[in-house]
Structures are given as C-alpha cells and as structure tokens.
Protein backbone atom coordinates (compact mmCIF):
# COMPACT_ATOMS: atom_id res chain seq x y z
CA UNK A 1 0.00 0.00 0.00
CA UNK A 2 2.86 2.35 0.79
CA UNK A 3 4.33 1.80 -2.68
CA UNK A 4 0.88 2.23 -4.27
CA UNK A 5 0.26 5.58 -2.54
CA UNK A 6 3.77 6.77 -3.38
CA UNK A 7 3.27 6.00 -7.09
CA UNK A 8 -0.21 7.50 -7.04
CA UNK A 9 1.14 10.69 -5.49
CA UNK A 10 3.94 10.85 -8.07
CA UNK A 11 1.59 10.41 -11.04
CA UNK A 12 -0.86 12.92 -9.58
CA UNK A 13 1.92 15.46 -9.18
CA UNK A 14 3.17 14.88 -12.74
CA UNK A 15 -0.38 15.18 -14.06
CA UNK A 16 -0.87 18.53 -12.29
CA UNK A 17 2.44 19.80 -13.70
CA UNK A 18 2.04 18.68 -17.30
CA UNK A 19 -1.72 18.71 -17.88
CA UNK A 20 -1.84 22.49 -18.55
CA UNK A 21 1.00 22.16 -21.07
CA UNK A 22 -0.76 19.28 -22.82
CA UNK A 23 -4.00 21.28 -22.96
CA UNK A 24 -2.21 24.26 -24.48
CA UNK A 25 -0.53 21.98 -27.04
CA UNK A 26 -3.86 20.39 -27.99
CA UNK A 27 -5.68 23.69 -28.41
CA UNK A 28 -2.80 25.13 -30.42
CA UNK A 29 -4.17 23.03 -33.31
CA UNK A 30 -7.48 24.86 -33.55
CA UNK A 31 -8.48 28.34 -34.73
CA UNK A 32 -10.54 29.20 -31.64
CA UNK A 33 -9.54 32.48 -30.04
CA UNK A 34 -10.63 31.28 -26.59
CA UNK A 35 -8.72 28.44 -24.93
CA UNK A 36 -11.05 25.47 -24.38
CA UNK A 37 -13.23 26.12 -27.41
CA UNK A 38 -12.44 23.45 -30.03
CA UNK A 39 -13.55 24.45 -33.55
CA UNK A 40 -11.83 21.68 -35.48
CA UNK A 41 -8.24 20.71 -36.28
CA UNK A 42 -6.24 23.47 -37.90
CA UNK A 43 -2.64 24.64 -38.15
CA UNK A 44 -3.66 28.23 -38.85
CA UNK A 45 -2.17 29.53 -35.59
CA UNK A 46 1.22 28.00 -36.46
CA UNK A 47 1.00 29.44 -39.98
CA UNK A 48 0.11 32.84 -38.57
CA UNK A 49 3.01 32.64 -36.09
CA UNK A 50 5.64 31.91 -38.74
CA UNK A 51 4.22 33.96 -41.62
CA UNK A 52 4.21 37.24 -39.71
CA UNK A 53 0.47 37.28 -39.22
CA UNK A 54 0.82 38.05 -35.53
CA UNK A 55 1.01 41.54 -34.10
CA UNK A 56 4.37 43.27 -34.51
CA UNK A 57 4.71 43.78 -30.74
CA UNK A 58 4.61 40.01 -30.15
CA UNK A 59 7.34 39.40 -32.73
CA UNK A 60 9.39 42.16 -31.15
CA UNK A 61 8.89 40.62 -27.68
CA UNK A 62 10.01 37.20 -28.96
CA UNK A 63 13.09 38.72 -30.58
CA UNK A 64 14.00 40.68 -27.44
CA UNK A 65 13.49 37.61 -25.26
CA UNK A 66 15.76 35.41 -27.38
CA UNK A 67 18.51 38.05 -27.64
CA UNK A 68 18.48 38.79 -23.91
CA UNK A 69 18.35 35.09 -23.00
CA UNK A 70 21.21 34.18 -25.36
CA UNK A 71 23.50 37.01 -24.23
CA UNK A 72 22.71 36.47 -20.54
CA UNK A 73 23.21 32.69 -20.84
CA UNK A 74 26.60 33.07 -22.56
CA UNK A 75 27.88 35.59 -20.00
CA UNK A 76 26.46 33.56 -17.09
CA UNK A 77 28.09 30.38 -18.38
CA UNK A 78 31.50 32.04 -18.62
CA UNK A 79 31.27 33.78 -15.23
CA UNK A 80 29.68 30.78 -13.52
CA UNK A 81 32.32 28.35 -14.82
CA UNK A 82 35.17 30.61 -13.70
CA UNK A 83 33.50 31.10 -10.31
CA UNK A 84 32.97 27.34 -9.90
CA UNK A 85 36.66 26.66 -10.59
CA UNK A 86 37.64 29.33 -8.06
CA UNK A 87 35.27 27.98 -5.40
CA UNK A 88 36.48 24.43 -6.03
CA UNK A 89 40.07 25.48 -5.35
CA UNK A 90 39.17 27.08 -2.02
CA UNK A 91 39.51 25.11 1.17
CA UNK A 92 37.86 25.05 4.57
CA UNK A 93 35.66 27.85 5.82
CA UNK A 94 36.24 30.11 2.83
CA UNK A 95 34.70 27.53 0.51
CA UNK A 96 31.66 27.12 2.76
CA UNK A 97 31.14 30.88 2.99
CA UNK A 98 31.35 31.41 -0.78
CA UNK A 99 29.02 28.45 -1.41
CA UNK A 100 26.51 29.97 0.99
CA UNK A 101 26.76 33.35 -0.72
CA UNK A 102 26.25 31.65 -4.09
CA UNK A 103 23.09 29.94 -2.85
CA UNK A 104 21.47 33.11 -1.50
CA UNK A 105 20.37 34.50 -4.93
CA UNK A 106 18.70 31.17 -5.73
CA UNK A 107 16.81 31.10 -2.42
CA UNK A 108 15.98 34.80 -2.47
CA UNK A 109 12.46 35.57 -3.83
CA UNK A 110 12.55 36.93 -7.39
CA UNK A 111 10.55 40.00 -6.43
CA UNK A 112 13.15 40.97 -3.80
CA UNK A 113 15.92 40.50 -6.36
CA UNK A 114 14.01 42.61 -8.88
CA UNK A 115 13.38 45.46 -6.43
CA UNK A 116 17.00 45.40 -5.21
CA UNK A 117 18.39 45.58 -8.74
CA UNK A 118 15.89 48.31 -9.65
CA UNK A 119 17.03 50.44 -6.71
CA UNK A 120 20.68 49.74 -7.56
CA UNK A 121 20.31 50.86 -11.18
CA UNK A 122 18.35 53.96 -10.15
CA UNK A 123 20.95 54.93 -7.55
CA UNK A 124 23.75 54.52 -10.09
CA UNK A 125 21.84 56.51 -12.69
CA UNK A 126 21.86 53.68 -15.24
CA UNK A 127 19.17 54.03 -17.90
CA UNK A 128 16.92 51.00 -17.84
CA UNK A 129 16.63 48.94 -20.99
CA UNK A 130 18.52 46.12 -22.68
CA UNK A 131 21.63 46.62 -20.56
CA UNK A 132 19.89 46.52 -17.19
CA UNK A 133 17.76 43.49 -18.12
CA UNK A 134 20.81 41.55 -19.31
CA UNK A 135 22.79 42.49 -16.18
CA UNK A 136 19.85 41.45 -13.99
CA UNK A 137 19.48 38.11 -15.78
CA UNK A 138 23.21 37.45 -15.51
CA UNK A 139 23.02 38.20 -11.78
CA UNK A 140 20.39 35.56 -11.03
CA UNK A 141 21.48 32.98 -13.66
CA UNK A 142 25.17 32.77 -12.74
CA UNK A 143 24.65 30.94 -9.40
CA UNK A 144 22.72 28.21 -11.24
CA UNK A 145 25.62 27.73 -13.65
CA UNK A 146 27.97 27.40 -10.67
CA UNK A 147 25.65 24.75 -9.26
CA UNK A 148 25.77 22.83 -12.57
CA UNK A 149 29.57 22.98 -12.97
CA UNK A 150 30.60 22.18 -9.38
CA UNK A 151 29.66 18.45 -9.49
CA UNK A 152 31.81 18.00 -12.60
CA UNK A 153 34.78 19.58 -10.86
CA UNK A 154 34.28 17.35 -7.84
CA UNK A 155 34.23 14.25 -10.08
CA UNK A 156 37.41 15.31 -11.92
CA UNK A 157 40.72 13.76 -10.95
CA UNK A 158 42.70 16.66 -9.39
CA UNK A 159 46.00 15.11 -10.46
CA UNK A 160 45.26 15.66 -14.16
CA UNK A 161 45.66 19.42 -13.91
CA UNK A 162 48.90 19.10 -11.90
CA UNK A 163 50.21 16.56 -14.41
CA UNK A 164 49.56 18.98 -17.28
CA UNK A 165 51.54 21.69 -15.49
CA UNK A 166 54.39 19.25 -14.80
CA UNK A 167 54.51 18.36 -18.50
CA UNK A 168 55.09 21.98 -19.46
CA UNK A 169 51.58 23.35 -20.01
CA UNK A 170 50.87 26.89 -18.87
CA UNK A 171 47.95 27.40 -16.44
CA UNK A 172 45.86 28.79 -19.32
CA UNK A 173 46.68 25.80 -21.55
CA UNK A 174 45.85 23.39 -18.73
CA UNK A 175 42.58 25.22 -18.16
CA UNK A 176 41.68 25.09 -21.85
CA UNK A 177 42.81 21.54 -22.62
CA UNK A 178 42.23 19.74 -19.32
CA UNK A 179 39.66 21.42 -17.09
CA UNK A 180 37.21 22.75 -19.69
CA UNK A 181 36.80 19.37 -21.47
CA UNK A 182 36.12 17.77 -18.08
CA UNK A 183 33.44 20.29 -17.11
CA UNK A 184 32.00 20.83 -20.61
CA UNK A 185 28.84 18.80 -19.86
CA UNK A 186 28.19 20.91 -16.76
CA UNK A 187 28.76 24.10 -18.72
CA UNK A 188 26.27 23.01 -21.39
CA UNK A 189 23.70 22.13 -18.73
CA UNK A 190 24.30 25.48 -17.03
CA UNK A 191 23.92 27.34 -20.33
CA UNK A 192 20.60 25.65 -21.10
CA UNK A 193 19.34 26.25 -17.56
CA UNK A 194 20.37 29.92 -17.70
CA UNK A 195 18.76 30.32 -21.14
CA UNK A 196 15.53 28.76 -19.89
CA UNK A 197 15.47 30.82 -16.69
CA UNK A 198 16.02 34.01 -18.66
CA UNK A 199 13.15 33.26 -21.04
CA UNK A 200 10.89 32.34 -18.14
CA UNK A 201 11.68 35.27 -15.83
CA UNK A 202 9.08 37.93 -15.17
CA UNK A 203 9.53 39.37 -11.66
CA UNK A 204 13.11 40.58 -12.18
CA UNK A 205 12.46 41.70 -15.76
CA UNK A 206 9.44 43.86 -14.94
CA UNK A 207 11.50 45.90 -12.45
CA UNK A 208 14.53 46.40 -14.72
CA UNK A 209 12.97 46.76 -18.16
CA UNK A 210 12.31 50.50 -17.92
CA UNK A 211 9.61 52.57 -19.59
CA UNK A 212 11.04 52.97 -23.10
CA UNK A 213 8.77 50.36 -24.69
CA UNK A 214 11.08 47.36 -24.39
CA UNK A 215 9.08 44.16 -23.94
CA UNK A 216 9.98 40.53 -23.41
CA UNK A 217 7.69 37.56 -23.86
CA UNK A 218 6.81 37.39 -20.16
CA UNK A 219 5.95 41.08 -19.89
CA UNK A 220 3.98 40.92 -23.16
CA UNK A 221 1.91 37.98 -21.86
CA UNK A 222 1.29 39.84 -18.60
CA UNK A 223 0.11 42.97 -20.42
CA UNK A 224 -1.97 40.87 -22.82
CA UNK A 225 -3.66 38.99 -19.97
CA UNK A 226 -4.57 42.27 -18.24
CA UNK A 227 -6.52 43.25 -21.35
CA UNK A 228 -8.90 40.35 -20.77
CA UNK A 229 -7.44 37.59 -22.93
CA UNK A 230 -4.37 36.08 -24.52
CA UNK A 231 -3.26 36.25 -28.14
CA UNK A 232 -4.12 32.85 -29.72
CA UNK A 233 -0.65 32.59 -31.30
CA UNK A 234 0.82 32.30 -27.81
CA UNK A 235 -0.49 28.71 -27.68
CA UNK A 236 1.66 27.39 -30.57
CA UNK A 237 4.57 29.52 -29.37
CA UNK A 238 4.39 27.97 -25.88
CA UNK A 239 4.15 24.50 -27.42
CA UNK A 240 7.23 25.09 -29.58
CA UNK A 241 9.28 26.43 -26.65
CA UNK A 242 8.33 23.43 -24.49
CA UNK A 243 9.12 20.98 -27.30
CA UNK A 244 12.50 22.63 -27.94
CA UNK A 245 13.48 22.52 -24.25
CA UNK A 246 12.32 18.90 -23.98
CA UNK A 247 14.34 17.96 -27.06
CA UNK A 248 17.48 19.62 -25.67
CA UNK A 249 17.10 17.82 -22.34
CA UNK A 250 16.69 14.47 -24.08
CA UNK A 251 19.78 15.08 -26.23
CA UNK A 252 21.87 16.09 -23.21
CA UNK A 253 20.74 13.10 -21.16
CA UNK A 254 21.47 10.70 -24.03
CA UNK A 255 24.94 12.19 -24.55
CA UNK A 256 25.66 12.06 -20.82
CA UNK A 257 24.52 8.43 -20.65
CA UNK A 258 26.69 7.44 -23.63
CA UNK A 259 29.68 9.31 -22.19
CA UNK A 260 29.32 7.47 -18.88
CA UNK A 261 29.06 4.14 -20.69
CA UNK A 262 32.23 4.88 -22.67
CA UNK A 263 34.10 5.74 -19.46
CA UNK A 264 32.90 2.51 -17.84
CA UNK A 265 34.09 0.50 -20.86
CA UNK A 266 37.51 2.17 -20.75
CA UNK A 267 37.83 1.41 -17.05
C-alpha cells in the first residue's frame, strides 16, 4: 500500500504539472480564439506565427526575449564556470562561505531581487533597458551555472591538472585543454538552464525593463492577460518552446549516458 500511494502521489503530481502544457498543445491546433473552445483541427495559428500574421509587438517581444536570454546565458556560463573553478580550489571555511553566498540568490524571492536591482540601477543613474535586463538576468542565472559545474569539478581527478603543469603546459593551456573538457557537460547544462530561466523570468524583468517600450515575452503575456485575454498565437509559441526545451534535455541526457558508458568501458 505504501508503494501504491507513493506511485499515485507521483503520477498525480506529474499530471498537475504537465496537464496544462498538454491542454495548451492540444488547443494550439485549432483556430478558436478562446482556450477550451475546439472548432476543429487546424494549423492556422502555427502558420500565422511563422508567416508574420501576428502583431508586430509580439514578434518584437520574442526577438528581445531570445537576444536577452542568449547574451545572458553566454555571460552567465562564462562567469559561472570561472567562479565554480575558483570555489572548487578554495579550502575550509572560505569555501563554505562562498558556497553559501552563491546559494542566497537562488533562495531569495525573485521580487526581492528585482526590487533590489531596480534600486541599484536607479541609484547609479543607469538608464533601464537592454543593458539593465541583461545584467539582472546574468546576476540571477550565474549561481545556477555554478551549481551545474561544481559536481563535474568534484568528479574530476585533481592530479590531471597538476600533471599537465608538470609536463610543461601553462595554467591557461591546462585550463583550456584539461579542465574545460572535463566540465563541458556541466557548462552546457548550465547554459541551457540559464537560457531557460532568462526566457521564463518575469519578476526581475518587470523591475529592470524600464519605460522605453522594451518588452519581453513574459511582460507581453502579462500585459496581454490584463486586457482580458491572450493572443491565440501564444499557444503554438508555448508549445514550440516546451518541445524545444524537452528535445534539448533528451539530447543532453542521451549524450551524458553514452559518455558514462564509454568511461565505464575504458575502465
């Protein structure tokens, strides 16, 4: 009975998490403007999304979201990987303190982070726009990259780096040819996580986006919902984003599994 209730709870939880996504995906294949009203199978919403039939502001929001997410993810991956290497090389209390400081932004509510960054940018006189949104996204994405890279560093044989230095490699060459290949999987995972978090974020973005008309997908959806409804093309867009993220996760997991199998065979 204990096993039965545990499995029932798990499937109930998964159903609650994924049922809304499945519903959106199903109703993305109908022309109905209202979600839940099925008017027959149609791919008109997908055609409208890719043929430029949607409102210009939505296309602009999608473009801004992708640019911000890509730039923020790249910067976060670089900074997070460097930070993870530095934290890994610390010892004792210093390492514990820095790890705690790294975890605070992840545990801190997004709205507090957004307000804090808003006040910081205002006090420094920085004009809000692309720059402030990217900086804000880098600030809250970098700790997640650190969290993704750290396990790879802990699994790495520490003698490999020392051996490379003994064989004549410079610290930069050892970093590029020894450490980075070892933590590459963690860096890729961190990049994807940062990219996804940036696309998904609303609370931090709304406080740092400014009033110059810049919109991301999350702020566009919020403004659209306040008008009393959602643009129908958001349904196929949400389905495509979910499918793309799911595909990336499957590819990464398959590559990780094959890499582990190859290592086991070599051993």
